[in-house]
Amino acid sequence: MAIEDAALLAAGTGNRRSLIKVLDSIYKKMCKARDKHDRTESFALDAEFHRSIVLCSNNKYLLNSYDANIYRMNALLFRFASTPWDHPERFEEHNAIIDALRNNGLQTARTLLAAHIEHLSEQAFHFEAVPDSSCEK
């Protein structure tokens, strides 16, 4: 969350038009994948949406930090997260972020992004732990 927030701040301050154009293009593809119920494409485009925020920051440090961690997170999300058609309100948060950027609401976009990532984390990583005898004392 911290990396994406810093990236959104940088991209939204110095590269807002390009950021909006890129995110809007990805969002349109996300809508098509959602409508086809294409789970693989939906998750790939969601990952592209979030990585594009970092790319548009034009900050190699943020990109390297993001890339060092995100692939493991995406594997977990693909395994445990529900699909865009299961939670349409979570899907639409992407568009709300774009709209906030269009309306010069960078702080609003940052708040929406933080909430979106938090919702995704709660949704993706809320599962029952399986007892493992090796963890017992």
Protein backbone atom coordinates (compact mmCIF):
# COMPACT_ATOMS: atom_id res chain seq x y z
CA MET A 1 0.00 0.00 0.00
CA ALA A 2 2.82 2.40 0.88
CA ILE A 3 4.56 1.90 -2.47
CA GLU A 4 1.39 2.41 -4.50
CA ASP A 5 0.43 5.46 -2.47
CA ALA A 6 3.85 7.06 -3.00
CA ALA A 7 3.66 6.19 -6.70
CA LEU A 8 0.17 7.64 -7.05
CA LEU A 9 1.30 10.84 -5.37
CA ALA A 10 4.28 11.14 -7.74
CA ALA A 11 2.36 10.15 -10.88
CA GLY A 12 -0.67 12.25 -9.95
CA THR A 13 1.50 15.28 -9.36
CA GLY A 14 3.88 15.07 -12.31
CA ASN A 15 2.28 12.75 -14.84
CA ARG A 16 -1.48 12.95 -14.24
CA ARG A 17 -2.66 13.04 -17.87
CA SER A 18 -0.61 10.02 -18.87
CA LEU A 19 -1.65 8.18 -15.73
CA ILE A 20 -5.34 8.77 -16.43
CA LYS A 21 -4.96 7.70 -20.06
CA VAL A 22 -3.15 4.47 -19.14
CA LEU A 23 -5.49 3.56 -16.27
CA ASP A 24 -8.59 4.33 -18.33
CA SER A 25 -7.37 2.11 -21.16
CA ILE A 26 -6.70 -0.76 -18.76
CA TYR A 27 -10.04 -0.26 -17.02
CA LYS A 28 -11.89 -0.60 -20.33
CA LYS A 29 -10.10 -3.91 -20.95
CA MET A 30 -10.94 -4.96 -17.39
CA CYS A 31 -14.62 -4.36 -18.11
CA LYS A 32 -14.48 -6.59 -21.19
CA ALA A 33 -12.71 -9.36 -19.25
CA ARG A 34 -15.25 -9.05 -16.43
CA ASP A 35 -18.15 -9.27 -18.86
CA LYS A 36 -16.65 -12.45 -20.37
CA HIS A 37 -16.07 -13.87 -16.87
CA ASP A 38 -12.43 -14.38 -17.83
CA ARG A 39 -10.80 -14.87 -14.43
CA THR A 40 -7.22 -15.10 -15.71
CA GLU A 41 -7.49 -11.96 -17.84
CA SER A 42 -9.31 -10.10 -15.06
CA PHE A 43 -6.54 -10.76 -12.57
CA ALA A 44 -3.82 -9.97 -15.12
CA LEU A 45 -5.42 -6.63 -15.97
CA ASP A 46 -5.96 -5.81 -12.30
CA ALA A 47 -2.24 -6.39 -11.74
CA GLU A 48 -1.45 -4.24 -14.78
CA PHE A 49 -3.67 -1.45 -13.45
CA HIS A 50 -1.83 -1.31 -10.14
CA ARG A 51 1.64 -1.70 -11.66
CA SER A 52 0.85 1.11 -14.11
CA ILE A 53 0.40 3.48 -11.19
CA VAL A 54 3.94 2.66 -10.14
CA LEU A 55 5.27 2.85 -13.71
CA CYS A 56 3.74 6.30 -14.21
CA SER A 57 5.52 7.58 -11.12
CA ASN A 58 8.73 7.42 -13.19
CA ASN A 59 10.52 6.40 -9.99
CA LYS A 60 12.83 3.41 -10.45
CA TYR A 61 13.20 2.92 -6.71
CA LEU A 62 9.45 2.54 -6.27
CA LEU A 63 9.20 0.26 -9.31
CA ASN A 64 12.03 -1.98 -8.10
CA SER A 65 10.50 -2.19 -4.63
CA TYR A 66 7.09 -2.95 -6.08
CA ASP A 67 8.39 -5.60 -8.48
CA ALA A 68 10.39 -7.28 -5.75
CA ASN A 69 7.20 -8.06 -3.85
CA ILE A 70 4.16 -7.95 -6.07
CA TYR A 71 4.53 -11.22 -7.95
CA ARG A 72 4.20 -13.27 -4.76
CA MET A 73 1.23 -11.14 -3.70
CA ASN A 74 -0.44 -11.58 -7.08
CA ALA A 75 -0.02 -15.35 -6.84
CA LEU A 76 -1.83 -15.29 -3.49
CA LEU A 77 -4.52 -12.99 -4.85
CA PHE A 78 -5.10 -15.24 -7.85
CA ARG A 79 -5.44 -18.21 -5.53
CA PHE A 80 -7.64 -16.69 -2.82
CA ALA A 81 -9.34 -13.53 -4.11
CA SER A 82 -12.86 -13.56 -5.43
CA THR A 83 -13.59 -12.45 -8.95
CA PRO A 84 -14.76 -9.02 -10.20
CA TRP A 85 -18.25 -10.36 -10.79
CA ASP A 86 -18.45 -11.59 -7.18
CA HIS A 87 -17.84 -8.09 -5.79
CA PRO A 88 -18.76 -5.46 -8.41
CA GLU A 89 -18.30 -2.65 -5.87
CA ARG A 90 -14.61 -3.58 -5.48
CA PHE A 91 -14.22 -3.66 -9.25
CA GLU A 92 -15.76 -0.19 -9.60
CA GLU A 93 -13.24 1.24 -7.15
CA HIS A 94 -10.79 1.27 -10.07
CA ASN A 95 -13.05 3.63 -11.99
CA ALA A 96 -13.59 5.81 -8.91
CA ILE A 97 -9.81 6.26 -8.64
CA ILE A 98 -9.64 7.33 -12.29
CA ASP A 99 -12.57 9.73 -11.84
CA ALA A 100 -10.92 11.30 -8.80
CA LEU A 101 -7.74 11.86 -10.82
CA ARG A 102 -9.76 13.39 -13.67
CA ASN A 103 -11.40 15.81 -11.26
CA ASN A 104 -8.08 16.92 -9.74
CA GLY A 105 -8.80 15.02 -6.55
CA LEU A 106 -5.40 13.51 -5.99
CA GLN A 107 -5.96 13.18 -2.25
CA THR A 108 -9.33 11.55 -2.92
CA ALA A 109 -7.69 9.15 -5.38
CA ARG A 110 -5.08 8.26 -2.76
CA THR A 111 -7.78 7.63 -0.16
CA LEU A 112 -9.74 5.48 -2.61
CA LEU A 113 -6.63 3.52 -3.57
CA ALA A 114 -5.80 2.83 0.08
CA ALA A 115 -9.35 1.65 0.75
CA HIS A 116 -9.30 -0.49 -2.40
CA ILE A 117 -6.08 -2.22 -1.42
CA GLU A 118 -7.37 -2.73 2.11
CA HIS A 119 -10.63 -4.24 0.79
CA LEU A 120 -8.68 -6.52 -1.50
CA SER A 121 -6.39 -7.63 1.30
CA GLU A 122 -9.32 -8.39 3.58
CA GLN A 123 -11.11 -10.28 0.84
CA ALA A 124 -8.09 -12.19 -0.44
CA PHE A 125 -6.48 -13.16 2.83
CA HIS A 126 -9.52 -13.93 4.94
CA PHE A 127 -9.53 -17.68 4.94
CA GLU A 128 -9.62 -20.39 7.55
CA ALA A 129 -6.26 -21.55 8.83
CA VAL A 130 -5.72 -25.28 8.47
CA PRO A 131 -4.37 -26.87 11.66
CA ASP A 132 -0.82 -28.05 11.18
CA SER A 133 0.66 -30.34 13.77
CA SER A 134 4.17 -29.04 13.04
CA CYS A 135 3.14 -25.68 14.54
CA GLU A 136 2.16 -27.22 17.84
CA LYS A 137 4.51 -27.10 20.81
